[in-house]
Amino acid sequence: MRRLVIGLAAATLLVAGCKDEGTLSSSDPKEVAKAIHAVSSAGDDRAVERIAPLASHADTQTASEAVLALGRMSSPKALAVLQQVAVADHRPEVRQVAMEALVQRKEPEALETLRETLTRDPAPEVRTVVAMGLARAGTVDDVGALATAVGRETNPKVAQAEVLAMGALLGVKFPPPDPKMSPEQRKAQLQRIRKTALELAAAKKNGTGTGGCKHDSPR
């Protein structure tokens, strides 16, 4: 009797697994989303292998759902898929979700991907997510990369996100841009902020930092 019960349980799990496989290939995005959630709950490499192909699905919402699920899984294989999607997917929306998932994971490899794409991603919204992600999960060592990004950035909103990120890592508050500033004045202000941020970062690394404070001088 015991063997019969065990056998029935195993058969039930097998049928459920097969049903999930079928639903993952459904033409209904809602059904696929449900299946992704169900499969990802296992959290193992097999689950990653089943969900990973959907991260490049033609439907943006389905791809995003797959990426979100992979972000909740601790498997190194899931991390590898997220890194690939974050740098290679052609859709900014999907790359943005992948970047956010990498921020949540916080592994050194995940943060390295953020640093590498800080100035490389062509979409301003993705660069903004990367900057704010480093503000949350990075360290003072990331101030240098953010300062470099500020110097290269052509989008004012992204540059401001990078300035905010530097301030968060340093525990200071840099002045926001004055709407009355000309582009040349704004560029000069950003250069002063970069210089100050690098000096503060160096001081913190050397143990001579003065702690968190409001820093309004680079105007």
N, C-alpha and C. Protein backbone atom coordinates (compact mmCIF):
# COMPACT_ATOMS: atom_id res chain seq x y z
N MET A 1 0.83 -1.21 0.00
CA MET A 1 0.00 0.00 0.00
C MET A 1 0.87 1.26 0.00
N ARG A 2 1.92 1.24 0.83
CA ARG A 2 2.82 2.39 0.91
C ARG A 2 3.47 2.66 -0.45
N ARG A 3 3.88 1.58 -1.12
CA ARG A 3 4.51 1.76 -2.44
C ARG A 3 3.52 2.35 -3.43
N LEU A 4 2.25 1.96 -3.31
CA LEU A 4 1.23 2.47 -4.22
C LEU A 4 1.04 3.97 -4.02
N VAL A 5 1.01 4.39 -2.74
CA VAL A 5 0.84 5.81 -2.44
C VAL A 5 2.00 6.62 -2.98
N ILE A 6 3.23 6.12 -2.74
CA ILE A 6 4.43 6.81 -3.25
C ILE A 6 4.40 6.89 -4.75
N GLY A 7 3.99 5.79 -5.38
CA GLY A 7 3.94 5.77 -6.84
C GLY A 7 2.93 6.76 -7.39
N LEU A 8 1.79 6.85 -6.73
CA LEU A 8 0.77 7.80 -7.17
C LEU A 8 1.25 9.24 -7.00
N ALA A 9 1.96 9.52 -5.90
CA ALA A 9 2.49 10.86 -5.66
C ALA A 9 3.49 11.24 -6.73
N ALA A 10 4.39 10.30 -7.07
CA ALA A 10 5.39 10.56 -8.10
C ALA A 10 4.73 10.81 -9.44
N ALA A 11 3.68 10.02 -9.72
CA ALA A 11 2.98 10.18 -10.99
C ALA A 11 2.29 11.55 -11.06
N THR A 12 1.73 11.96 -9.93
CA THR A 12 1.08 13.27 -9.88
C THR A 12 2.06 14.39 -10.16
N LEU A 13 3.27 14.30 -9.54
CA LEU A 13 4.29 15.31 -9.77
C LEU A 13 4.74 15.33 -11.22
N LEU A 14 4.85 14.14 -11.82
CA LEU A 14 5.29 14.05 -13.21
C LEU A 14 4.27 14.68 -14.13
N VAL A 15 2.97 14.40 -13.87
CA VAL A 15 1.92 14.98 -14.70
C VAL A 15 1.90 16.49 -14.55
N ALA A 16 2.06 16.97 -13.30
CA ALA A 16 2.09 18.42 -13.06
C ALA A 16 3.23 19.06 -13.81
N GLY A 17 4.40 18.39 -13.79
CA GLY A 17 5.56 18.93 -14.49
C GLY A 17 5.31 19.01 -15.98
N CYS A 18 4.70 17.96 -16.53
CA CYS A 18 4.41 17.96 -17.97
C CYS A 18 3.41 19.06 -18.31
N LYS A 19 2.43 19.26 -17.40
CA LYS A 19 1.45 20.32 -17.64
C LYS A 19 2.13 21.68 -17.66
N ASP A 20 3.08 21.90 -16.73
CA ASP A 20 3.82 23.15 -16.71
C ASP A 20 4.58 23.36 -18.01
N GLU A 21 5.20 22.27 -18.50
CA GLU A 21 5.96 22.36 -19.74
C GLU A 21 5.05 22.84 -20.87
N GLY A 22 3.83 22.25 -20.92
CA GLY A 22 2.91 22.62 -21.97
C GLY A 22 2.44 24.05 -21.83
N THR A 23 2.19 24.49 -20.60
CA THR A 23 1.70 25.84 -20.37
C THR A 23 2.77 26.87 -20.68
N LEU A 24 4.02 26.53 -20.47
CA LEU A 24 5.12 27.46 -20.78
C LEU A 24 5.16 27.81 -22.26
N SER A 25 4.64 26.91 -23.09
CA SER A 25 4.63 27.16 -24.53
C SER A 25 3.26 27.61 -25.03
N SER A 26 2.39 27.99 -24.09
CA SER A 26 1.05 28.45 -24.45
C SER A 26 1.12 29.76 -25.24
N SER A 27 0.10 30.00 -26.03
CA SER A 27 0.02 31.26 -26.78
C SER A 27 -0.63 32.36 -25.95
N ASP A 28 -1.10 32.00 -24.75
CA ASP A 28 -1.73 32.97 -23.85
C ASP A 28 -0.68 33.48 -22.86
N PRO A 29 -0.29 34.75 -22.96
CA PRO A 29 0.74 35.30 -22.05
C PRO A 29 0.40 35.14 -20.57
N LYS A 30 -0.89 35.22 -20.23
CA LYS A 30 -1.28 35.07 -18.83
C LYS A 30 -1.01 33.66 -18.33
N GLU A 31 -1.29 32.67 -19.18
CA GLU A 31 -1.04 31.28 -18.80
C GLU A 31 0.46 31.02 -18.67
N VAL A 32 1.22 31.62 -19.57
CA VAL A 32 2.68 31.46 -19.51
C VAL A 32 3.22 32.09 -18.23
N ALA A 33 2.71 33.25 -17.87
CA ALA A 33 3.16 33.93 -16.65
C ALA A 33 2.89 33.07 -15.42
N LYS A 34 1.72 32.45 -15.37
CA LYS A 34 1.39 31.56 -14.26
C LYS A 34 2.34 30.37 -14.21
N ALA A 35 2.62 29.81 -15.38
CA ALA A 35 3.51 28.65 -15.45
C ALA A 35 4.94 29.02 -15.04
N ILE A 36 5.38 30.19 -15.44
CA ILE A 36 6.72 30.65 -15.06
C ILE A 36 6.82 30.75 -13.55
N HIS A 37 5.80 31.32 -12.94
CA HIS A 37 5.80 31.46 -11.48
C HIS A 37 5.82 30.08 -10.81
N ALA A 38 5.04 29.14 -11.34
CA ALA A 38 4.97 27.80 -10.76
C ALA A 38 6.30 27.06 -10.90
N VAL A 39 6.88 27.13 -12.08
CA VAL A 39 8.13 26.42 -12.33
C VAL A 39 9.27 27.02 -11.52
N SER A 40 9.31 28.35 -11.42
CA SER A 40 10.42 29.01 -10.73
C SER A 40 10.43 28.72 -9.24
N SER A 41 9.29 28.31 -8.69
CA SER A 41 9.23 28.03 -7.25
C SER A 41 10.16 26.89 -6.85
N ALA A 42 10.51 26.02 -7.80
CA ALA A 42 11.45 24.93 -7.51
C ALA A 42 12.84 25.48 -7.22
N GLY A 43 13.23 26.53 -7.95
CA GLY A 43 14.50 27.21 -7.69
C GLY A 43 15.75 26.46 -8.08
N ASP A 44 15.62 25.30 -8.72
CA ASP A 44 16.80 24.51 -9.06
C ASP A 44 17.25 24.76 -10.50
N ASP A 45 18.35 24.10 -10.88
CA ASP A 45 18.90 24.30 -12.23
C ASP A 45 17.94 23.85 -13.31
N ARG A 46 17.17 22.80 -13.03
CA ARG A 46 16.20 22.33 -14.01
C ARG A 46 15.16 23.42 -14.28
N ALA A 47 14.72 24.09 -13.24
CA ALA A 47 13.76 25.18 -13.40
C ALA A 47 14.37 26.32 -14.23
N VAL A 48 15.64 26.61 -13.97
CA VAL A 48 16.33 27.65 -14.74
C VAL A 48 16.36 27.28 -16.22
N GLU A 49 16.69 26.03 -16.50
CA GLU A 49 16.79 25.57 -17.89
C GLU A 49 15.45 25.67 -18.61
N ARG A 50 14.36 25.48 -17.88
CA ARG A 50 13.03 25.56 -18.49
C ARG A 50 12.59 27.00 -18.73
N ILE A 51 12.99 27.89 -17.83
CA ILE A 51 12.56 29.29 -17.93
C ILE A 51 13.48 30.12 -18.82
N ALA A 52 14.76 29.80 -18.83
CA ALA A 52 15.75 30.62 -19.55
C ALA A 52 15.38 30.94 -21.00
N PRO A 53 14.89 29.98 -21.80
CA PRO A 53 14.54 30.31 -23.19
C PRO A 53 13.48 31.40 -23.30
N LEU A 54 12.63 31.51 -22.27
CA LEU A 54 11.57 32.52 -22.32
C LEU A 54 12.09 33.93 -22.08
N ALA A 55 13.32 34.05 -21.57
CA ALA A 55 13.90 35.37 -21.35
C ALA A 55 14.17 36.09 -22.67
N SER A 56 14.19 35.35 -23.76
CA SER A 56 14.37 35.97 -25.08
C SER A 56 13.10 35.82 -25.93
N HIS A 57 11.98 35.59 -25.27
CA HIS A 57 10.70 35.43 -25.95
C HIS A 57 10.35 36.68 -26.76
N ALA A 58 9.67 36.50 -27.88
CA ALA A 58 9.31 37.64 -28.73
C ALA A 58 8.36 38.60 -28.03
N ASP A 59 7.54 38.08 -27.12
CA ASP A 59 6.63 38.93 -26.36
C ASP A 59 7.39 39.57 -25.21
N THR A 60 7.44 40.89 -25.18
CA THR A 60 8.22 41.61 -24.17
C THR A 60 7.76 41.30 -22.75
N GLN A 61 6.45 41.22 -22.56
CA GLN A 61 5.93 40.94 -21.22
C GLN A 61 6.33 39.55 -20.74
N THR A 62 6.26 38.58 -21.64
CA THR A 62 6.66 37.21 -21.28
C THR A 62 8.14 37.16 -20.95
N ALA A 63 8.95 37.83 -21.77
CA ALA A 63 10.39 37.86 -21.51
C ALA A 63 10.67 38.51 -20.16
N SER A 64 9.97 39.58 -19.85
CA SER A 64 10.16 40.27 -18.57
C SER A 64 9.75 39.39 -17.39
N GLU A 65 8.66 38.65 -17.55
CA GLU A 65 8.22 37.74 -16.50
C GLU A 65 9.27 36.66 -16.24
N ALA A 66 9.87 36.16 -17.32
CA ALA A 66 10.91 35.15 -17.17
C ALA A 66 12.14 35.72 -16.46
N VAL A 67 12.50 36.94 -16.82
CA VAL A 67 13.66 37.58 -16.19
C VAL A 67 13.40 37.81 -14.71
N LEU A 68 12.20 38.27 -14.38
CA LEU A 68 11.85 38.48 -12.97
C LEU A 68 11.94 37.17 -12.18
N ALA A 69 11.47 36.10 -12.78
CA ALA A 69 11.53 34.79 -12.12
C ALA A 69 12.97 34.35 -11.91
N LEU A 70 13.80 34.55 -12.92
CA LEU A 70 15.22 34.18 -12.79
C LEU A 70 15.89 35.01 -11.70
N GLY A 71 15.46 36.26 -11.55
CA GLY A 71 16.03 37.11 -10.52
C GLY A 71 15.72 36.62 -9.11
N ARG A 72 14.65 35.85 -8.97
CA ARG A 72 14.29 35.31 -7.65
C ARG A 72 14.99 33.99 -7.34
N MET A 73 15.72 33.47 -8.31
CA MET A 73 16.35 32.15 -8.15
C MET A 73 17.84 32.32 -7.85
N SER A 74 18.33 31.60 -6.86
CA SER A 74 19.71 31.78 -6.40
C SER A 74 20.73 30.99 -7.22
N SER A 75 20.28 30.20 -8.15
CA SER A 75 21.18 29.38 -8.96
C SER A 75 22.18 30.23 -9.75
N PRO A 76 23.45 29.83 -9.78
CA PRO A 76 24.44 30.53 -10.61
C PRO A 76 24.05 30.54 -12.08
N LYS A 77 23.34 29.51 -12.51
CA LYS A 77 22.89 29.48 -13.91
C LYS A 77 21.89 30.59 -14.19
N ALA A 78 21.06 30.89 -13.20
CA ALA A 78 20.11 32.00 -13.36
C ALA A 78 20.86 33.32 -13.49
N LEU A 79 21.91 33.49 -12.69
CA LEU A 79 22.71 34.71 -12.76
C LEU A 79 23.33 34.87 -14.13
N ALA A 80 23.84 33.79 -14.69
CA ALA A 80 24.47 33.85 -16.01
C ALA A 80 23.47 34.28 -17.09
N VAL A 81 22.25 33.77 -17.00
CA VAL A 81 21.23 34.16 -17.97
C VAL A 81 20.88 35.64 -17.82
N LEU A 82 20.74 36.09 -16.59
CA LEU A 82 20.43 37.51 -16.34
C LEU A 82 21.52 38.42 -16.91
N GLN A 83 22.77 38.04 -16.71
CA GLN A 83 23.87 38.85 -17.24
C GLN A 83 23.81 38.94 -18.76
N GLN A 84 23.50 37.82 -19.40
CA GLN A 84 23.42 37.80 -20.86
C GLN A 84 22.28 38.68 -21.35
N VAL A 85 21.13 38.56 -20.73
CA VAL A 85 19.97 39.37 -21.12
C VAL A 85 20.25 40.85 -20.90
N ALA A 86 20.88 41.17 -19.77
CA ALA A 86 21.12 42.57 -19.41
C ALA A 86 21.99 43.30 -20.42
N VAL A 87 22.88 42.60 -21.08
CA VAL A 87 23.79 43.26 -22.01
C VAL A 87 23.45 43.01 -23.48
N ALA A 88 22.64 41.97 -23.75
CA ALA A 88 22.46 41.58 -25.15
C ALA A 88 21.04 41.70 -25.70
N ASP A 89 20.03 41.74 -24.84
CA ASP A 89 18.67 41.80 -25.38
C ASP A 89 18.47 43.12 -26.12
N HIS A 90 17.72 43.07 -27.22
CA HIS A 90 17.56 44.27 -28.04
C HIS A 90 16.50 45.23 -27.52
N ARG A 91 15.75 44.80 -26.47
CA ARG A 91 14.66 45.63 -25.94
C ARG A 91 15.07 46.31 -24.64
N PRO A 92 15.03 47.64 -24.60
CA PRO A 92 15.40 48.35 -23.38
C PRO A 92 14.57 47.93 -22.17
N GLU A 93 13.27 47.64 -22.41
CA GLU A 93 12.40 47.26 -21.30
C GLU A 93 12.89 45.98 -20.62
N VAL A 94 13.31 45.02 -21.43
CA VAL A 94 13.77 43.74 -20.89
C VAL A 94 15.14 43.90 -20.24
N ARG A 95 16.02 44.68 -20.84
CA ARG A 95 17.33 44.92 -20.23
C ARG A 95 17.16 45.62 -18.88
N GLN A 96 16.21 46.54 -18.81
CA GLN A 96 15.97 47.27 -17.57
C GLN A 96 15.54 46.31 -16.46
N VAL A 97 14.65 45.39 -16.78
CA VAL A 97 14.20 44.41 -15.79
C VAL A 97 15.36 43.53 -15.35
N ALA A 98 16.20 43.15 -16.31
CA ALA A 98 17.36 42.32 -15.98
C ALA A 98 18.33 43.06 -15.07
N MET A 99 18.55 44.34 -15.35
CA MET A 99 19.44 45.14 -14.49
C MET A 99 18.90 45.23 -13.07
N GLU A 100 17.59 45.45 -12.97
CA GLU A 100 16.97 45.54 -11.64
C GLU A 100 17.11 44.22 -10.88
N ALA A 101 16.99 43.11 -11.62
CA ALA A 101 17.16 41.79 -11.00
C ALA A 101 18.59 41.60 -10.51
N LEU A 102 19.55 42.08 -11.28
CA LEU A 102 20.96 41.96 -10.88
C LEU A 102 21.23 42.79 -9.62
N VAL A 103 20.59 43.95 -9.53
CA VAL A 103 20.76 44.78 -8.33
C VAL A 103 20.27 44.03 -7.10
N GLN A 104 19.14 43.34 -7.24
CA GLN A 104 18.59 42.61 -6.11
C GLN A 104 19.49 41.47 -5.67
N ARG A 105 20.20 40.85 -6.60
CA ARG A 105 21.05 39.70 -6.28
C ARG A 105 22.32 40.13 -5.53
N LYS A 106 22.94 41.20 -5.96
CA LYS A 106 24.09 41.80 -5.28
C LYS A 106 25.36 40.95 -5.28
N GLU A 107 25.41 39.85 -6.04
CA GLU A 107 26.68 39.12 -6.13
C GLU A 107 27.74 39.98 -6.82
N PRO A 108 29.01 39.73 -6.55
CA PRO A 108 30.07 40.50 -7.22
C PRO A 108 29.95 40.46 -8.74
N GLU A 109 29.59 39.29 -9.29
CA GLU A 109 29.45 39.17 -10.74
C GLU A 109 28.30 40.04 -11.26
N ALA A 110 27.23 40.11 -10.48
CA ALA A 110 26.09 40.93 -10.87
C ALA A 110 26.46 42.41 -10.89
N LEU A 111 27.16 42.85 -9.86
CA LEU A 111 27.56 44.25 -9.78
C LEU A 111 28.56 44.60 -10.87
N GLU A 112 29.40 43.65 -11.23
CA GLU A 112 30.38 43.90 -12.30
C GLU A 112 29.68 44.15 -13.63
N THR A 113 28.59 43.42 -13.86
CA THR A 113 27.81 43.65 -15.08
C THR A 113 27.23 45.05 -15.09
N LEU A 114 26.76 45.52 -13.94
CA LEU A 114 26.23 46.88 -13.84
C LEU A 114 27.31 47.90 -14.18
N ARG A 115 28.50 47.70 -13.62
CA ARG A 115 29.60 48.65 -13.87
C ARG A 115 29.97 48.68 -15.35
N GLU A 116 29.98 47.52 -15.96
CA GLU A 116 30.40 47.44 -17.37
C GLU A 116 29.40 48.10 -18.31
N THR A 117 28.13 48.14 -17.92
CA THR A 117 27.10 48.70 -18.80
C THR A 117 26.73 50.14 -18.46
N LEU A 118 27.35 50.68 -17.43
CA LEU A 118 27.02 52.03 -16.98
C LEU A 118 27.13 53.07 -18.09
N THR A 119 28.13 52.93 -18.93
CA THR A 119 28.32 53.89 -20.01
C THR A 119 28.06 53.28 -21.39
N ARG A 120 27.74 51.99 -21.43
CA ARG A 120 27.63 51.32 -22.72
C ARG A 120 26.21 51.16 -23.23
N ASP A 121 25.24 51.08 -22.33
CA ASP A 121 23.88 50.83 -22.79
C ASP A 121 23.34 52.05 -23.53
N PRO A 122 22.74 51.87 -24.69
CA PRO A 122 22.27 53.01 -25.48
C PRO A 122 20.99 53.66 -24.95
N ALA A 123 20.28 52.98 -24.05
CA ALA A 123 18.99 53.50 -23.57
C ALA A 123 19.16 54.30 -22.28
N PRO A 124 18.75 55.56 -22.26
CA PRO A 124 18.88 56.38 -21.05
C PRO A 124 18.19 55.76 -19.83
N GLU A 125 17.02 55.14 -20.05
CA GLU A 125 16.30 54.58 -18.91
C GLU A 125 17.05 53.42 -18.27
N VAL A 126 17.79 52.69 -19.10
CA VAL A 126 18.58 51.58 -18.57
C VAL A 126 19.79 52.11 -17.81
N ARG A 127 20.45 53.12 -18.36
CA ARG A 127 21.60 53.71 -17.67
C ARG A 127 21.18 54.30 -16.33
N THR A 128 19.97 54.87 -16.28
CA THR A 128 19.47 55.41 -15.02
C THR A 128 19.29 54.31 -13.98
N VAL A 129 18.71 53.19 -14.40
CA VAL A 129 18.52 52.04 -13.50
C VAL A 129 19.86 51.53 -12.98
N VAL A 130 20.85 51.48 -13.87
CA VAL A 130 22.18 51.01 -13.48
C VAL A 130 22.79 51.94 -12.43
N ALA A 131 22.71 53.24 -12.67
CA ALA A 131 23.28 54.22 -11.73
C ALA A 131 22.62 54.10 -10.36
N MET A 132 21.30 54.06 -10.33
CA MET A 132 20.61 53.97 -9.05
C MET A 132 20.81 52.61 -8.41
N GLY A 133 21.03 51.59 -9.24
CA GLY A 133 21.32 50.27 -8.70
C GLY A 133 22.66 50.25 -7.97
N LEU A 134 23.64 50.92 -8.55
CA LEU A 134 24.95 51.01 -7.89
C LEU A 134 24.84 51.82 -6.60
N ALA A 135 23.94 52.81 -6.58
CA ALA A 135 23.74 53.59 -5.36
C ALA A 135 23.24 52.70 -4.24
N ARG A 136 22.42 51.71 -4.58
CA ARG A 136 21.84 50.82 -3.57
C ARG A 136 22.75 49.66 -3.20
N ALA A 137 23.43 49.10 -4.20
CA ALA A 137 24.18 47.86 -3.96
C ALA A 137 25.68 48.01 -4.08
N GLY A 138 26.16 49.18 -4.55
CA GLY A 138 27.59 49.36 -4.76
C GLY A 138 28.31 49.83 -3.51
N THR A 139 29.55 50.22 -3.71
CA THR A 139 30.40 50.72 -2.61
C THR A 139 31.07 52.01 -3.05
N VAL A 140 31.83 52.60 -2.15
CA VAL A 140 32.55 53.83 -2.48
C VAL A 140 33.51 53.61 -3.64
N ASP A 141 33.91 52.37 -3.86
CA ASP A 141 34.79 52.07 -5.00
C ASP A 141 34.12 52.35 -6.34
N ASP A 142 32.79 52.41 -6.34
CA ASP A 142 32.06 52.64 -7.58
C ASP A 142 31.94 54.12 -7.93
N VAL A 143 32.38 54.99 -7.05
CA VAL A 143 32.30 56.42 -7.32
C VAL A 143 33.13 56.77 -8.56
N GLY A 144 34.27 56.13 -8.72
CA GLY A 144 35.12 56.41 -9.88
C GLY A 144 34.41 56.11 -11.19
N ALA A 145 33.72 54.95 -11.26
CA ALA A 145 32.99 54.58 -12.47
C ALA A 145 31.84 55.55 -12.72
N LEU A 146 31.17 55.94 -11.67
CA LEU A 146 30.06 56.89 -11.81
C LEU A 146 30.57 58.26 -12.25
N ALA A 147 31.71 58.68 -11.71
CA ALA A 147 32.29 59.97 -12.11
C ALA A 147 32.67 59.96 -13.58
N THR A 148 33.22 58.84 -14.04
CA THR A 148 33.55 58.70 -15.46
C THR A 148 32.29 58.78 -16.31
N ALA A 149 31.23 58.11 -15.84
CA ALA A 149 29.97 58.12 -16.58
C ALA A 149 29.39 59.53 -16.67
N VAL A 150 29.46 60.28 -15.57
CA VAL A 150 28.96 61.66 -15.58
C VAL A 150 29.71 62.48 -16.63
N GLY A 151 31.01 62.27 -16.74
CA GLY A 151 31.80 63.02 -17.70
C GLY A 151 31.46 62.71 -19.14
N ARG A 152 30.91 61.52 -19.38
CA ARG A 152 30.58 61.11 -20.75
C ARG A 152 29.10 61.27 -21.08
N GLU A 153 28.27 61.41 -20.05
CA GLU A 153 26.82 61.38 -20.25
C GLU A 153 26.31 62.59 -21.03
N THR A 154 25.41 62.32 -21.98
CA THR A 154 24.82 63.38 -22.79
C THR A 154 23.37 63.66 -22.40
N ASN A 155 22.79 62.77 -21.60
CA ASN A 155 21.41 62.95 -21.18
C ASN A 155 21.38 63.57 -19.78
N PRO A 156 20.83 64.78 -19.63
CA PRO A 156 20.85 65.46 -18.32
C PRO A 156 20.20 64.66 -17.20
N LYS A 157 19.11 63.95 -17.48
CA LYS A 157 18.43 63.18 -16.44
C LYS A 157 19.28 62.02 -15.96
N VAL A 158 19.98 61.38 -16.88
CA VAL A 158 20.85 60.27 -16.50
C VAL A 158 22.04 60.80 -15.70
N ALA A 159 22.59 61.94 -16.14
CA ALA A 159 23.72 62.54 -15.42
C ALA A 159 23.32 62.87 -13.99
N GLN A 160 22.09 63.37 -13.81
CA GLN A 160 21.63 63.68 -12.47
C GLN A 160 21.48 62.42 -11.62
N ALA A 161 21.03 61.33 -12.24
CA ALA A 161 20.92 60.06 -11.52
C ALA A 161 22.30 59.58 -11.08
N GLU A 162 23.29 59.78 -11.94
CA GLU A 162 24.66 59.38 -11.60
C GLU A 162 25.23 60.24 -10.47
N VAL A 163 24.89 61.52 -10.48
CA VAL A 163 25.32 62.42 -9.39
C VAL A 163 24.66 61.99 -8.08
N LEU A 164 23.37 61.69 -8.13
CA LEU A 164 22.67 61.23 -6.94
C LEU A 164 23.27 59.93 -6.41
N ALA A 165 23.67 59.06 -7.32
CA ALA A 165 24.27 57.79 -6.92
C ALA A 165 25.60 58.02 -6.22
N MET A 166 26.42 58.93 -6.76
CA MET A 166 27.68 59.24 -6.09
C MET A 166 27.43 59.80 -4.70
N GLY A 167 26.44 60.69 -4.60
CA GLY A 167 26.13 61.27 -3.30
C GLY A 167 25.68 60.21 -2.30
N ALA A 168 24.88 59.25 -2.76
CA ALA A 168 24.40 58.19 -1.88
C ALA A 168 25.54 57.33 -1.36
N LEU A 169 26.48 57.02 -2.24
CA LEU A 169 27.62 56.18 -1.83
C LEU A 169 28.57 56.93 -0.89
N LEU A 170 28.62 58.24 -1.05
CA LEU A 170 29.54 59.05 -0.22
C LEU A 170 28.87 59.60 1.02
N GLY A 171 27.56 59.53 1.07
CA GLY A 171 26.85 60.09 2.21
C GLY A 171 26.78 61.60 2.19
N VAL A 172 26.76 62.16 1.00
CA VAL A 172 26.67 63.62 0.87
C VAL A 172 25.53 63.97 -0.10
N LYS A 173 25.18 65.25 -0.13
CA LYS A 173 24.13 65.71 -1.03
C LYS A 173 24.70 66.79 -1.94
N PHE A 174 24.83 66.46 -3.23
CA PHE A 174 25.33 67.43 -4.19
C PHE A 174 24.17 68.32 -4.65
N PRO A 175 24.46 69.54 -5.05
CA PRO A 175 23.40 70.47 -5.47
C PRO A 175 22.73 70.02 -6.76
N PRO A 176 21.42 70.15 -6.85
CA PRO A 176 20.72 69.82 -8.10
C PRO A 176 21.00 70.89 -9.14
N PRO A 177 20.78 70.57 -10.41
CA PRO A 177 21.03 71.59 -11.45
C PRO A 177 20.03 72.73 -11.35
N ASP A 178 20.52 73.91 -11.59
CA ASP A 178 19.67 75.11 -11.61
C ASP A 178 19.05 75.22 -13.01
N PRO A 179 17.71 75.27 -13.10
CA PRO A 179 17.06 75.37 -14.41
C PRO A 179 17.53 76.57 -15.23
N LYS A 180 18.04 77.59 -14.55
CA LYS A 180 18.48 78.80 -15.26
C LYS A 180 19.88 78.67 -15.84
N MET A 181 20.59 77.58 -15.51
CA MET A 181 21.95 77.39 -16.02
C MET A 181 21.96 77.13 -17.52
N SER A 182 22.97 77.66 -18.18
CA SER A 182 23.18 77.33 -19.58
C SER A 182 23.83 75.95 -19.66
N PRO A 183 23.82 75.30 -20.81
CA PRO A 183 24.48 74.00 -20.94
C PRO A 183 25.95 74.05 -20.52
N GLU A 184 26.62 75.15 -20.84
CA GLU A 184 28.04 75.28 -20.48
C GLU A 184 28.21 75.37 -18.96
N GLN A 185 27.32 76.12 -18.32
CA GLN A 185 27.39 76.25 -16.87
C GLN A 185 27.08 74.91 -16.19
N ARG A 186 26.11 74.19 -16.73
CA ARG A 186 25.77 72.88 -16.17
C ARG A 186 26.94 71.91 -16.33
N LYS A 187 27.59 71.95 -17.47
CA LYS A 187 28.74 71.08 -17.70
C LYS A 187 29.85 71.40 -16.71
N ALA A 188 30.08 72.67 -16.48
CA ALA A 188 31.12 73.09 -15.53
C ALA A 188 30.77 72.63 -14.11
N GLN A 189 29.48 72.73 -13.76
CA GLN A 189 29.05 72.29 -12.44
C GLN A 189 29.29 70.79 -12.27
N LEU A 190 28.97 70.02 -13.30
CA LEU A 190 29.16 68.57 -13.23
C LEU A 190 30.64 68.22 -13.09
N GLN A 191 31.49 68.97 -13.75
CA GLN A 191 32.93 68.73 -13.64
C GLN A 191 33.40 68.99 -12.21
N ARG A 192 32.87 70.03 -11.58
CA ARG A 192 33.24 70.32 -10.20
C ARG A 192 32.73 69.23 -9.24
N ILE A 193 31.52 68.77 -9.52
CA ILE A 193 30.96 67.70 -8.69
C ILE A 193 31.78 66.43 -8.83
N ARG A 194 32.18 66.12 -10.05
CA ARG A 194 33.01 64.92 -10.28
C ARG A 194 34.31 65.02 -9.49
N LYS A 195 34.94 66.18 -9.57
CA LYS A 195 36.22 66.38 -8.88
C LYS A 195 36.04 66.22 -7.37
N THR A 196 34.99 66.84 -6.85
CA THR A 196 34.73 66.75 -5.41
C THR A 196 34.43 65.31 -5.00
N ALA A 197 33.63 64.61 -5.80
CA ALA A 197 33.27 63.22 -5.49
C ALA A 197 34.50 62.33 -5.44
N LEU A 198 35.39 62.50 -6.39
CA LEU A 198 36.60 61.68 -6.43
C LEU A 198 37.50 61.98 -5.23
N GLU A 199 37.55 63.23 -4.85
CA GLU A 199 38.37 63.60 -3.68
C GLU A 199 37.78 63.00 -2.40
N LEU A 200 36.44 63.05 -2.28
CA LEU A 200 35.78 62.49 -1.10
C LEU A 200 35.94 60.97 -1.06
N ALA A 201 35.85 60.34 -2.22
CA ALA A 201 36.01 58.88 -2.28
C ALA A 201 37.41 58.49 -1.85
N ALA A 202 38.40 59.23 -2.34
CA ALA A 202 39.79 58.94 -1.96
C ALA A 202 39.99 59.12 -0.46
N ALA A 203 39.38 60.15 0.10
CA ALA A 203 39.50 60.40 1.54
C ALA A 203 38.87 59.27 2.34
N LYS A 204 37.72 58.78 1.88
CA LYS A 204 37.05 57.68 2.58
C LYS A 204 37.89 56.41 2.52
N LYS A 205 38.49 56.15 1.39
CA LYS A 205 39.33 54.95 1.25
C LYS A 205 40.56 55.04 2.15
N ASN A 206 41.04 56.24 2.34
CA ASN A 206 42.22 56.44 3.19
C ASN A 206 41.87 56.60 4.66
N GLY A 207 40.57 56.55 4.95
CA GLY A 207 40.14 56.67 6.34
C GLY A 207 40.15 58.08 6.87
N THR A 208 40.16 59.06 5.95
CA THR A 208 40.19 60.46 6.40
C THR A 208 38.91 61.20 6.08
N GLY A 209 37.84 60.44 5.71
CA GLY A 209 36.57 61.06 5.38
C GLY A 209 35.96 61.71 6.60
N THR A 210 35.10 62.69 6.34
CA THR A 210 34.50 63.44 7.45
C THR A 210 33.09 62.99 7.76
N GLY A 211 32.64 61.89 7.09
CA GLY A 211 31.30 61.40 7.39
C GLY A 211 30.27 62.09 6.51
N GLY A 212 29.01 61.65 6.67
CA GLY A 212 27.94 62.16 5.83
C GLY A 212 27.64 63.62 6.12
N CYS A 213 27.43 64.39 5.07
CA CYS A 213 27.09 65.80 5.25
C CYS A 213 26.51 66.32 3.96
N LYS A 214 25.91 67.48 4.05
CA LYS A 214 25.41 68.12 2.84
C LYS A 214 26.57 68.85 2.18
N HIS A 215 26.73 68.62 0.87
CA HIS A 215 27.88 69.22 0.20
C HIS A 215 27.37 70.08 -0.94
N ASP A 216 27.37 71.39 -0.74
CA ASP A 216 26.79 72.30 -1.72
C ASP A 216 27.80 73.15 -2.45
N SER A 217 29.07 72.91 -2.26
CA SER A 217 30.06 73.82 -2.82
C SER A 217 30.24 73.77 -4.33
N PRO A 218 30.09 72.60 -5.02
CA PRO A 218 30.40 72.60 -6.46
C PRO A 218 29.32 73.27 -7.29
N ARG A 219 29.25 74.56 -7.27
CA ARG A 219 28.23 75.27 -8.07
C ARG A 219 28.87 75.93 -9.27
